[in-house]
């Protein structure tokens, strides 16, 4: 029987429930338990796919093609499990399912209400996401007291009663601020737990987010006023490295508390893999400066998987990776001078016309100055546009996403350049009806002898996609003749990877490799990119010295 750990938050949002859930999952996994994780989000959107990165941050894509909350990225980076569309449920998705059942008559004419119909659907979805795991971590988004979260909290309260208290544990994350002259304040935590208990949930564990470890006096006070065991008042201290958190929680006995509460048969572990990760970071031998030229760089969560993938590559190559965030619209205004001195350039994915010309200028700088370049999704598409304009001489080349009247649509919807017989179709507004998002893991076949093949060491790879526009294969022959190599294709003939053989390291991919990078395993593409950046940096040192 699957046991459940429900993770809630109070006082303020963004305390790190996702990292805490993933870290506890990592500890339990290290003790030989099968772990799954589920995120419940209170917003009414069916999924975050249409939400602005400025509001929601990154959209994480699962293997089966679901657009989900960014916390699922944390889950996959910390725990060796693969999230699916059943790992993330929103209020919108829950209500969508209940309303569909009502329309079909599944409720046999009953009045459909939040209790029991919405809460029953939430419980059903939680169990669906749990699968056959020994322990399922269930994170509830938002904070206690939010009106949007109430149905989720009521559902997990019911599960605590239905499954029995030895099969369910409640872990609550709160803030313990320091005010004035360094005085530690426990009252926000007390009020947060009071709110939770008013709903009918007594927490078994408190994770207290704080600057430094809580003194015993404050831990005893919190335990007394919240009816939680003193040993279960855990300090969730601000860490300089998020991959230290599993060890920090393990050292305070969090996993022992959960194992005892749920009566689990678990082997001991001192987290050797995570100690190796931390040791690798401390053993860095060199530093590289990488420019990330994006459209949402003001919000770091917009590129969280990319940032982590670069960190993982640094761990695998013993390199300290310093990311310099460059807003592509700034390049449009002031030029590419900000890229001077960079050891590598990365252009990530994105949607919409804003900042596109700045990204194209960044590609041109990387190509002409022989700076290692990695393009991801839109980063591949702008690389194709730049090559068509500046090498082939097709000055009006563009994507139909940005200019529907472009004379040379090197990037377009499939329906704009290919139908079932491979013939070109007229580009008009109706073609959008045929354009669908390509989502989830799909196979790509890599050409032997290519840089991509040497990086991956495989003939076939499976990477996750999230895009609608594709390279227009009508330009394949001309671009090949001009020196662009198409080194991987999907099974249905769509371009997946391009590279420049005449360049030291220039690779761009249509998919999102960052979604499968982990701190313990890294990702070959990012590791190869960071190695290329190190080589470029080493070559610049003699030139700088001679100058």
Protein backbone atom coordinates (compact mmCIF):
# COMPACT_ATOMS: atom_id res chain seq x y z
CA UNK A 1 0.00 0.00 0.00
CA UNK A 2 1.33 3.43 -0.95
CA UNK A 3 1.93 5.81 1.92
CA UNK A 4 1.50 9.56 1.40
CA UNK A 5 3.43 12.60 2.62
CA UNK A 6 1.42 15.78 2.08
CA UNK A 7 3.49 18.97 1.91
CA UNK A 8 1.82 22.31 2.63
CA UNK A 9 3.11 25.83 3.10
CA UNK A 10 2.22 28.82 5.19
CA UNK A 11 3.03 32.47 5.98
CA UNK A 12 4.34 33.35 2.50
CA UNK A 13 4.68 31.64 -0.87
CA UNK A 14 7.94 30.60 -2.56
CA UNK A 15 9.48 29.14 0.59
CA UNK A 16 10.73 26.11 -1.30
CA UNK A 17 8.05 23.43 -0.95
CA UNK A 18 9.15 21.91 -4.27
CA UNK A 19 12.80 21.64 -3.21
CA UNK A 20 11.75 20.32 0.22
CA UNK A 21 9.48 17.67 -1.32
CA UNK A 22 12.13 16.63 -3.83
CA UNK A 23 14.83 16.52 -1.14
CA UNK A 24 12.78 14.31 1.15
CA UNK A 25 12.00 12.12 -1.86
CA UNK A 26 15.74 11.85 -2.57
CA UNK A 27 16.50 10.78 1.00
CA UNK A 28 13.75 8.15 1.04
CA UNK A 29 14.87 6.87 -2.36
CA UNK A 30 18.41 6.51 -1.03
CA UNK A 31 16.96 4.28 1.68
CA UNK A 32 15.67 1.84 -0.92
CA UNK A 33 12.08 3.08 -1.25
CA UNK A 34 10.22 3.66 -4.50
CA UNK A 35 9.15 7.30 -4.55
CA UNK A 36 6.68 9.21 -6.71
CA UNK A 37 5.76 12.89 -6.51
CA UNK A 38 2.60 14.86 -7.34
CA UNK A 39 2.06 18.63 -7.49
CA UNK A 40 -1.41 20.13 -6.93
CA UNK A 41 -1.72 23.71 -8.19
CA UNK A 42 -4.63 25.93 -7.10
CA UNK A 43 -4.84 28.13 -10.21
CA UNK A 44 -7.78 27.71 -12.59
CA UNK A 45 -5.65 27.36 -15.74
CA UNK A 46 -5.91 23.78 -17.02
CA UNK A 47 -2.11 23.75 -17.27
CA UNK A 48 0.65 26.40 -17.27
CA UNK A 49 1.23 26.07 -21.03
CA UNK A 50 -0.44 29.40 -21.85
CA UNK A 51 0.87 31.31 -18.83
CA UNK A 52 3.50 34.04 -19.16
CA UNK A 53 7.02 33.10 -17.99
CA UNK A 54 7.02 36.42 -16.11
CA UNK A 55 4.12 35.18 -13.96
CA UNK A 56 4.73 31.45 -13.74
CA UNK A 57 8.35 30.84 -14.65
CA UNK A 58 9.35 27.83 -16.69
CA UNK A 59 6.90 25.32 -18.14
CA UNK A 60 8.35 21.87 -17.53
CA UNK A 61 7.51 19.26 -20.18
CA UNK A 62 7.13 15.60 -19.23
CA UNK A 63 8.10 12.62 -21.37
CA UNK A 64 4.47 12.01 -22.31
CA UNK A 65 4.03 15.61 -23.43
CA UNK A 66 2.30 17.34 -20.52
CA UNK A 67 3.03 21.02 -19.87
CA UNK A 68 3.45 21.21 -16.11
CA UNK A 69 4.65 23.21 -13.14
CA UNK A 70 8.38 23.85 -12.80
CA UNK A 71 8.47 21.92 -9.50
CA UNK A 72 8.27 18.71 -11.52
CA UNK A 73 11.71 19.62 -12.82
CA UNK A 74 12.97 19.60 -9.23
CA UNK A 75 11.35 16.23 -8.70
CA UNK A 76 13.09 14.64 -11.68
CA UNK A 77 16.45 16.21 -10.81
CA UNK A 78 16.37 14.87 -7.24
CA UNK A 79 14.59 11.53 -7.62
CA UNK A 80 15.16 8.86 -10.27
CA UNK A 81 11.59 8.81 -11.45
CA UNK A 82 9.92 10.09 -14.58
CA UNK A 83 7.03 12.52 -14.16
CA UNK A 84 3.93 12.16 -16.33
CA UNK A 85 0.75 14.11 -16.97
CA UNK A 86 -0.59 12.43 -13.81
CA UNK A 87 2.09 14.16 -11.72
CA UNK A 88 0.54 17.63 -11.91
CA UNK A 89 -3.11 18.60 -11.43
CA UNK A 90 -4.54 22.11 -11.36
CA UNK A 91 -7.89 23.39 -10.12
CA UNK A 92 -8.80 23.99 -13.75
CA UNK A 93 -8.02 20.41 -14.72
CA UNK A 94 -9.94 19.01 -11.74
CA UNK A 95 -13.03 21.10 -12.51
CA UNK A 96 -12.73 20.26 -16.22
CA UNK A 97 -12.93 16.55 -15.37
CA UNK A 98 -15.84 16.96 -12.97
CA UNK A 99 -17.82 19.09 -15.40
CA UNK A 100 -17.20 16.55 -18.20
CA UNK A 101 -18.56 13.79 -15.94
CA UNK A 102 -21.60 15.89 -15.09
CA UNK A 103 -22.29 16.52 -18.79
CA UNK A 104 -22.11 12.79 -19.48
CA UNK A 105 -24.56 12.09 -16.70
CA UNK A 106 -22.06 10.17 -14.59
CA UNK A 107 -23.48 11.69 -11.40
CA UNK A 108 -26.98 10.39 -12.19
CA UNK A 109 -28.68 13.74 -11.73
CA UNK A 110 -27.08 14.59 -8.38
CA UNK A 111 -26.30 18.19 -7.49
CA UNK A 112 -22.56 18.55 -8.18
CA UNK A 113 -20.72 20.21 -5.30
CA UNK A 114 -17.20 20.92 -4.08
CA UNK A 115 -17.72 18.27 -1.39
CA UNK A 116 -17.85 15.44 -2.27
CA UNK A 117 -17.46 15.67 -6.07
CA UNK A 118 -14.46 18.00 -6.41
CA UNK A 119 -12.66 16.52 -3.41
CA UNK A 120 -13.36 12.98 -4.63
CA UNK A 121 -11.81 13.84 -7.98
CA UNK A 122 -8.76 15.34 -6.25
CA UNK A 123 -8.30 12.15 -4.22
CA UNK A 124 -8.68 10.03 -7.32
CA UNK A 125 -6.03 12.08 -9.14
CA UNK A 126 -3.62 11.87 -6.20
CA UNK A 127 -3.88 8.08 -6.18
CA UNK A 128 -3.49 8.01 -9.95
CA UNK A 129 -0.26 10.00 -9.70
CA UNK A 130 1.04 7.83 -6.87
CA UNK A 131 1.08 4.69 -8.99
CA UNK A 132 2.65 1.72 -7.21
CA UNK A 133 5.26 3.71 -5.26
CA UNK A 134 6.08 2.93 -1.65
CA UNK A 135 5.81 6.63 -0.78
CA UNK A 136 4.14 9.43 -2.72
CA UNK A 137 5.07 13.02 -1.94
CA UNK A 138 2.13 15.34 -2.64
CA UNK A 139 2.87 19.07 -2.72
CA UNK A 140 -0.04 21.51 -2.44
CA UNK A 141 0.69 24.83 -4.12
CA UNK A 142 -0.04 28.18 -2.53
CA UNK A 143 -0.30 28.82 1.20
CA UNK A 144 -2.70 27.80 3.95
CA UNK A 145 -5.46 30.38 4.09
CA UNK A 146 -5.68 30.88 0.33
CA UNK A 147 -9.28 30.37 -0.77
CA UNK A 148 -8.08 28.62 -3.94
CA UNK A 149 -6.29 25.88 -1.96
CA UNK A 150 -9.18 24.92 0.30
CA UNK A 151 -10.56 22.03 -1.82
CA UNK A 152 -7.09 20.46 -1.99
CA UNK A 153 -6.59 20.81 1.76
CA UNK A 154 -10.00 19.30 2.44
CA UNK A 155 -9.18 16.39 0.11
CA UNK A 156 -5.92 15.55 1.89
CA UNK A 157 -7.64 15.89 5.27
CA UNK A 158 -10.15 13.29 4.12
CA UNK A 159 -7.35 11.01 2.91
CA UNK A 160 -5.75 11.20 6.35
CA UNK A 161 -8.98 9.87 7.85
CA UNK A 162 -9.71 7.30 5.15
CA UNK A 163 -6.22 5.80 4.90
CA UNK A 164 -5.39 5.93 8.59
CA UNK A 165 -2.81 8.08 10.33
CA UNK A 166 -0.07 5.46 9.96
CA UNK A 167 -0.35 5.69 6.18
CA UNK A 168 -0.33 9.49 5.90
CA UNK A 169 2.09 12.17 7.14
CA UNK A 170 1.61 15.93 6.97
CA UNK A 171 4.67 18.15 6.55
CA UNK A 172 4.19 21.92 6.82
CA UNK A 173 6.74 24.50 5.62
CA UNK A 174 6.72 27.89 7.33
CA UNK A 175 8.83 31.01 7.66
CA UNK A 176 10.71 31.92 10.85
CA UNK A 177 11.85 35.51 10.24
CA UNK A 178 14.58 37.43 12.01
CA UNK A 179 13.65 41.03 12.81
CA UNK A 180 15.15 44.05 14.49
CA UNK A 181 18.44 43.27 16.16
CA UNK A 182 18.43 39.63 15.21
CA UNK A 183 15.36 38.51 17.18
CA UNK A 184 13.87 35.21 15.94
CA UNK A 185 10.09 35.34 15.60
CA UNK A 186 8.09 32.10 15.91
CA UNK A 187 4.63 33.70 15.88
CA UNK A 188 4.11 33.45 12.08
CA UNK A 189 4.71 29.69 12.31
CA UNK A 190 2.32 29.38 15.25
CA UNK A 191 -0.44 31.20 13.37
CA UNK A 192 0.15 29.20 10.20
CA UNK A 193 -0.20 25.90 12.06
CA UNK A 194 -3.28 27.24 13.85
CA UNK A 195 -4.82 27.96 10.43
CA UNK A 196 -3.96 24.45 9.25
CA UNK A 197 -5.39 22.84 12.38
CA UNK A 198 -8.55 24.88 11.92
CA UNK A 199 -9.02 23.04 8.62
CA UNK A 200 -8.60 19.73 10.45
CA UNK A 201 -4.96 18.93 9.66
CA UNK A 202 -2.41 18.42 12.42
CA UNK A 203 1.12 18.55 10.98
CA UNK A 204 3.53 15.78 11.90
CA UNK A 205 6.62 17.69 10.78
CA UNK A 206 7.43 21.39 10.58
CA UNK A 207 10.10 22.60 8.19
CA UNK A 208 11.01 26.06 9.43
CA UNK A 209 12.61 28.19 6.73
CA UNK A 210 15.18 30.32 8.48
CA UNK A 211 18.48 32.10 7.97
CA UNK A 212 20.36 29.94 10.47
CA UNK A 213 19.59 26.75 12.38
CA UNK A 214 16.94 27.30 15.05
CA UNK A 215 18.25 27.41 18.63
CA UNK A 216 16.82 24.76 20.94
CA UNK A 217 14.78 27.36 22.82
CA UNK A 218 12.85 28.36 19.69
CA UNK A 219 12.40 24.74 18.60
CA UNK A 220 10.91 23.87 21.99
CA UNK A 221 8.62 26.89 21.84
CA UNK A 222 7.38 26.02 18.35
CA UNK A 223 6.83 22.38 19.34
CA UNK A 224 4.85 23.41 22.43
CA UNK A 225 2.53 25.84 20.62
CA UNK A 226 1.95 23.68 17.53
CA UNK A 227 1.55 20.24 19.15
CA UNK A 228 4.45 18.85 17.09
CA UNK A 229 7.25 16.69 18.48
CA UNK A 230 10.37 18.72 19.21
CA UNK A 231 12.52 16.41 17.07
CA UNK A 232 10.08 17.04 14.18
CA UNK A 233 10.72 20.81 14.20
CA UNK A 234 13.31 20.91 11.44
CA UNK A 235 15.47 23.88 10.42
CA UNK A 236 15.23 24.48 6.67
CA UNK A 237 18.17 26.87 6.55
CA UNK A 238 19.12 29.07 3.62
CA UNK A 239 21.68 27.01 1.69
CA UNK A 240 24.29 28.25 -0.76
CA UNK A 241 23.67 25.15 -2.88
CA UNK A 242 20.24 23.55 -3.26
CA UNK A 243 21.84 20.13 -3.71
CA UNK A 244 23.04 20.27 -0.10
CA UNK A 245 19.46 20.26 1.16
CA UNK A 246 18.91 16.46 1.13
CA UNK A 247 21.96 16.08 3.37
CA UNK A 248 20.93 18.97 5.64
CA UNK A 249 17.49 17.41 6.17
CA UNK A 250 18.95 13.92 6.60
CA UNK A 251 21.37 15.15 9.27
CA UNK A 252 18.38 16.43 11.27
CA UNK A 253 16.66 13.05 11.03
CA UNK A 254 13.75 14.03 8.76
CA UNK A 255 13.79 10.70 6.95
CA UNK A 256 13.82 8.78 10.26
CA UNK A 257 10.75 10.72 11.41
CA UNK A 258 8.84 9.89 8.20
CA UNK A 259 9.96 6.25 8.20
CA UNK A 260 8.84 5.85 11.82
CA UNK A 261 5.54 7.67 11.28
CA UNK A 262 4.61 5.59 8.22
CA UNK A 263 6.08 2.36 9.64
CA UNK A 264 8.20 1.81 6.55
CA UNK A 265 10.76 -0.94 6.16
CA UNK A 266 13.71 1.09 4.89
CA UNK A 267 17.44 0.50 4.80
CA UNK A 268 19.87 3.10 6.21
CA UNK A 269 21.78 5.45 3.91
CA UNK A 270 24.24 8.30 4.25
CA UNK A 271 23.50 9.69 0.76
CA UNK A 272 26.79 8.83 -1.01
CA UNK A 273 25.59 10.10 -4.41
CA UNK A 274 24.65 13.48 -3.00
CA UNK A 275 27.92 13.79 -1.14
CA UNK A 276 29.66 13.10 -4.45
CA UNK A 277 27.65 15.90 -6.12
CA UNK A 278 28.70 18.41 -3.45
CA UNK A 279 32.30 17.18 -3.62
CA UNK A 280 32.38 17.67 -7.39
CA UNK A 281 31.35 21.30 -7.03
CA UNK A 282 34.11 21.95 -4.52
CA UNK A 283 36.65 20.40 -6.91
CA UNK A 284 36.21 22.88 -9.77
CA UNK A 285 39.40 23.35 -11.77
CA UNK A 286 38.42 26.25 -14.04
CA UNK A 287 35.82 28.96 -14.60
CA UNK A 288 33.90 29.76 -17.79
CA UNK A 289 31.65 32.71 -18.61
CA UNK A 290 28.55 31.84 -20.61
CA UNK A 291 26.16 34.44 -22.03
CA UNK A 292 22.52 33.35 -22.01
CA UNK A 293 20.73 35.59 -24.49
CA UNK A 294 17.03 35.36 -23.66
CA UNK A 295 13.72 37.17 -23.58
CA UNK A 296 12.75 36.54 -19.95
CA UNK A 297 16.08 36.93 -18.16
CA UNK A 298 14.61 39.23 -15.49
CA UNK A 299 12.90 36.16 -14.01
CA UNK A 300 15.45 33.42 -13.30
CA UNK A 301 12.69 30.80 -12.88
CA UNK A 302 11.94 31.22 -16.60
CA UNK A 303 15.13 29.28 -17.39
CA UNK A 304 15.49 27.20 -14.23
CA UNK A 305 16.08 23.86 -15.98
CA UNK A 306 18.67 25.48 -18.25
CA UNK A 307 20.47 27.04 -15.31
CA UNK A 308 20.54 23.71 -13.51
CA UNK A 309 21.70 21.84 -16.64
CA UNK A 310 24.66 24.20 -16.92
CA UNK A 311 25.41 23.65 -13.24
CA UNK A 312 25.25 19.88 -13.78
CA UNK A 313 27.64 20.19 -16.72
CA UNK A 314 30.00 22.09 -14.45
CA UNK A 315 29.85 19.25 -11.93
CA UNK A 316 30.63 16.65 -14.60
CA UNK A 317 33.54 18.65 -16.06
CA UNK A 318 34.91 20.12 -12.80
CA UNK A 319 34.10 23.61 -14.06
CA UNK A 320 32.59 26.63 -12.35
CA UNK A 321 29.99 27.96 -14.75
CA UNK A 322 29.17 31.66 -14.47
CA UNK A 323 26.02 32.54 -16.41
CA UNK A 324 25.67 36.12 -17.65
CA UNK A 325 22.04 36.93 -18.47
CA UNK A 326 21.64 39.14 -21.53
CA UNK A 327 18.26 40.56 -22.52
CA UNK A 328 17.99 40.14 -26.29
CA UNK A 329 16.19 43.48 -26.67
CA UNK A 330 19.25 45.18 -25.16
CA UNK A 331 21.39 43.76 -27.98
CA UNK A 332 18.92 45.26 -30.46
CA UNK A 333 19.46 48.66 -28.84
CA UNK A 334 23.18 48.66 -28.10
CA UNK A 335 24.73 45.88 -30.20
CA UNK A 336 26.74 42.79 -29.31
CA UNK A 337 29.46 44.49 -27.28
CA UNK A 338 28.13 42.79 -24.14
CA UNK A 339 29.15 39.42 -25.65
CA UNK A 340 32.83 40.33 -25.85
CA UNK A 341 34.91 38.22 -23.50
CA UNK A 342 32.31 35.48 -23.19
CA UNK A 343 33.59 31.90 -23.45
CA UNK A 344 30.32 30.62 -24.94
CA UNK A 345 26.87 31.81 -25.99
CA UNK A 346 23.55 30.07 -25.38
CA UNK A 347 20.25 31.11 -26.93
CA UNK A 348 17.29 29.37 -25.24
CA UNK A 349 13.71 28.77 -26.33
CA UNK A 350 10.86 31.24 -26.29
CA UNK A 351 7.74 32.40 -28.09
CA UNK A 352 6.78 35.62 -29.84
CA UNK A 353 8.51 38.28 -31.91
CA UNK A 354 9.97 40.45 -29.15
CA UNK A 355 13.76 40.33 -28.98
CA UNK A 356 14.19 38.03 -32.00
CA UNK A 357 16.55 40.31 -33.91
CA UNK A 358 18.77 40.55 -30.83
CA UNK A 359 18.98 36.76 -30.69
CA UNK A 360 19.87 36.65 -34.39
CA UNK A 361 22.67 39.16 -33.79
CA UNK A 362 23.97 36.97 -30.95
CA UNK A 363 24.06 33.96 -33.29
CA UNK A 364 25.95 35.94 -35.90
CA UNK A 365 28.47 37.07 -33.27
CA UNK A 366 29.05 33.47 -32.16
CA UNK A 367 29.44 32.24 -35.74
CA UNK A 368 31.77 34.98 -36.93
CA UNK A 369 33.91 35.15 -33.77
CA UNK A 370 34.16 31.35 -33.45
CA UNK A 371 32.63 31.40 -29.95
CA UNK A 372 31.05 28.08 -28.86
CA UNK A 373 27.32 28.25 -29.44
CA UNK A 374 24.39 26.20 -28.18
CA UNK A 375 20.92 26.97 -29.50
CA UNK A 376 17.84 25.38 -27.96
CA UNK A 377 14.46 25.26 -29.71
CA UNK A 378 14.02 28.91 -30.78
CA UNK A 379 17.82 29.09 -30.49
CA UNK A 380 18.04 26.62 -33.38
CA UNK A 381 15.43 28.46 -35.42
CA UNK A 382 17.17 31.85 -35.14
CA UNK A 383 20.45 30.14 -36.07
CA UNK A 384 18.80 28.90 -39.28
CA UNK A 385 17.42 32.37 -39.99
CA UNK A 386 20.81 33.99 -39.39
CA UNK A 387 22.55 31.50 -41.68
CA UNK A 388 19.97 32.03 -44.43
CA UNK A 389 20.34 35.80 -44.23
CA UNK A 390 24.08 36.22 -43.76
CA UNK A 391 25.52 33.21 -45.58
CA UNK A 392 22.93 32.38 -48.26
CA UNK A 393 22.10 36.05 -48.83
CA UNK A 394 18.36 35.63 -48.30
CA UNK A 395 17.95 39.00 -46.61
CA UNK A 396 14.22 38.58 -45.96
CA UNK A 397 14.52 35.11 -44.42
CA UNK A 398 12.44 34.69 -41.29
CA UNK A 399 9.95 32.52 -39.45
CA UNK A 400 6.26 32.84 -40.26
CA UNK A 401 5.75 33.13 -36.51
CA UNK A 402 7.32 36.58 -36.73
CA UNK A 403 6.58 37.63 -40.32
CA UNK A 404 3.83 35.88 -42.23
CA UNK A 405 4.78 37.72 -45.42
CA UNK A 406 8.47 36.70 -45.41
CA UNK A 407 9.69 35.78 -48.91
CA UNK A 408 11.87 33.01 -47.46
CA UNK A 409 10.10 31.16 -44.63
CA UNK A 410 13.01 29.00 -43.48
CA UNK A 411 11.01 28.36 -40.32
CA UNK A 412 7.27 27.72 -40.62
CA UNK A 413 4.36 25.55 -39.55
CA UNK A 414 4.49 22.14 -41.20
CA UNK A 415 1.13 22.90 -42.82
CA UNK A 416 2.72 25.92 -44.50
CA UNK A 417 5.38 23.94 -46.37
CA UNK A 418 4.28 20.32 -46.43
CA UNK A 419 1.02 18.44 -46.75
CA UNK A 420 0.44 14.69 -46.89
CA UNK A 421 2.08 14.45 -50.33
CA UNK A 422 5.00 16.72 -49.48
CA UNK A 423 3.75 19.66 -51.57
CA UNK A 424 3.95 23.29 -50.55
CA UNK A 425 0.71 24.85 -49.34
CA UNK A 426 -0.43 28.45 -49.47
CA UNK A 427 0.44 30.42 -46.35
CA UNK A 428 -2.66 32.08 -45.01
CA UNK A 429 -4.39 32.66 -41.71
CA UNK A 430 -6.23 29.35 -41.95
CA UNK A 431 -2.96 27.41 -41.78
CA UNK A 432 -2.81 28.10 -38.05
CA UNK A 433 -5.68 25.65 -37.64
CA UNK A 434 -3.35 22.86 -38.68
CA UNK A 435 -0.45 23.95 -36.47
CA UNK A 436 -0.24 21.94 -33.28
CA UNK A 437 2.37 21.96 -30.55
CA UNK A 438 4.94 19.17 -30.74
CA UNK A 439 5.23 18.02 -27.15
CA UNK A 440 7.02 15.30 -25.21
CA UNK A 441 9.83 12.85 -25.89
CA UNK A 442 10.43 11.86 -29.51
CA UNK A 443 13.23 9.95 -31.20
CA UNK A 444 15.94 11.63 -33.27
CA UNK A 445 18.40 9.75 -35.49
CA UNK A 446 21.91 11.22 -35.44
CA UNK A 447 24.22 11.15 -38.43
CA UNK A 448 27.46 9.21 -37.90
CA UNK A 449 30.59 11.34 -37.98
CA UNK A 450 28.80 14.48 -36.80
CA UNK A 451 29.72 16.53 -33.74
CA UNK A 452 26.32 15.67 -32.27
CA UNK A 453 27.08 11.96 -32.63
CA UNK A 454 30.43 12.33 -30.86
CA UNK A 455 28.72 14.27 -28.06
CA UNK A 456 25.88 11.81 -27.50
CA UNK A 457 27.73 8.63 -28.47
CA UNK A 458 24.46 7.23 -29.80
CA UNK A 459 22.71 6.70 -33.12
CA UNK A 460 19.24 7.38 -31.69
CA UNK A 461 18.27 9.70 -28.84
CA UNK A 462 14.97 10.60 -27.21
CA UNK A 463 14.53 14.23 -26.14
CA UNK A 464 11.54 16.33 -25.12
CA UNK A 465 9.99 18.94 -27.41
CA UNK A 466 7.83 22.00 -26.92
CA UNK A 467 7.34 23.99 -30.10
CA UNK A 468 5.01 24.56 -33.02
CA UNK A 469 7.22 25.85 -35.84
CA UNK A 470 9.73 23.67 -37.73
CA UNK A 471 12.63 24.09 -40.14
CA UNK A 472 11.33 24.28 -43.72
CA UNK A 473 12.90 21.30 -45.52
CA UNK A 474 12.62 23.08 -48.88
CA UNK A 475 15.79 24.95 -47.84
CA UNK A 476 17.77 21.83 -46.88
CA UNK A 477 19.83 21.48 -50.05
CA UNK A 478 20.76 25.16 -50.34
CA UNK A 479 21.85 25.40 -46.72
CA UNK A 480 23.81 22.16 -46.92
CA UNK A 481 25.63 23.42 -49.98
CA UNK A 482 26.52 26.61 -48.09
CA UNK A 483 28.09 24.65 -45.20
CA UNK A 484 25.34 24.01 -42.65
CA UNK A 485 25.16 20.40 -41.46
CA UNK A 486 21.85 18.79 -40.57
CA UNK A 487 23.03 16.10 -38.20
CA UNK A 488 19.79 14.67 -36.82
CA UNK A 489 16.22 14.15 -38.02
CA UNK A 490 13.04 12.87 -36.45
CA UNK A 491 11.52 9.66 -37.79
CA UNK A 492 9.16 11.75 -39.94
CA UNK A 493 11.99 13.78 -41.47
CA UNK A 494 11.94 16.96 -39.38
CA UNK A 495 15.24 18.68 -38.58
CA UNK A 496 16.34 18.08 -34.98
CA UNK A 497 20.01 19.17 -34.84
CA UNK A 498 22.15 21.52 -36.92
CA UNK A 499 25.87 22.27 -36.64
CA UNK A 500 28.64 24.16 -38.41
CA UNK A 501 31.60 21.88 -39.28
CA UNK A 502 33.79 24.94 -39.99
CA UNK A 503 33.19 26.23 -36.44
CA UNK A 504 35.00 24.99 -33.29
CA UNK A 505 31.69 24.12 -31.56
CA UNK A 506 28.36 25.28 -32.98
CA UNK A 507 25.34 23.06 -32.22
CA UNK A 508 21.65 23.93 -32.16
CA UNK A 509 18.78 21.58 -31.36
CA UNK A 510 15.03 21.74 -31.87
CA UNK A 511 14.28 19.96 -28.59
CA UNK A 512 14.85 20.82 -24.91
CA UNK A 513 17.72 18.72 -23.50
CA UNK A 514 17.68 20.64 -20.23
CA UNK A 515 14.58 18.73 -19.10
CA UNK A 516 16.52 15.48 -18.74
CA UNK A 517 19.69 16.79 -17.09
CA UNK A 518 20.29 15.80 -13.45
CA UNK A 519 23.02 16.66 -10.93
CA UNK A 520 24.05 13.03 -10.57
CA UNK A 521 24.14 12.16 -14.28
CA UNK A 522 24.45 15.49 -16.12
CA UNK A 523 23.64 15.66 -19.85
CA UNK A 524 26.14 15.00 -22.66
CA UNK A 525 25.14 18.02 -24.73
CA UNK A 526 25.65 20.51 -21.90
CA UNK A 527 28.85 18.78 -20.77
CA UNK A 528 30.20 19.04 -24.32
CA UNK A 529 29.18 22.71 -24.47
CA UNK A 530 30.99 23.53 -21.20
CA UNK A 531 34.11 21.64 -22.33
CA UNK A 532 34.08 23.70 -25.53
CA UNK A 533 33.76 26.87 -23.44
CA UNK A 534 36.77 25.80 -21.36
CA UNK A 535 38.81 25.17 -24.50
CA UNK A 536 37.83 28.56 -25.91
CA UNK A 537 38.77 30.25 -22.61
CA UNK A 538 42.15 28.49 -22.58
CA UNK A 539 42.86 29.65 -26.14
CA UNK A 540 42.08 33.26 -25.24
CA UNK A 541 44.60 33.39 -22.39
CA UNK A 542 47.75 33.32 -24.59
CA UNK A 543 46.18 35.92 -26.92
CA UNK A 544 45.37 38.21 -24.01
CA UNK A 545 48.88 37.80 -22.60
CA UNK A 546 50.54 38.62 -25.93
CA UNK A 547 48.29 41.65 -26.40
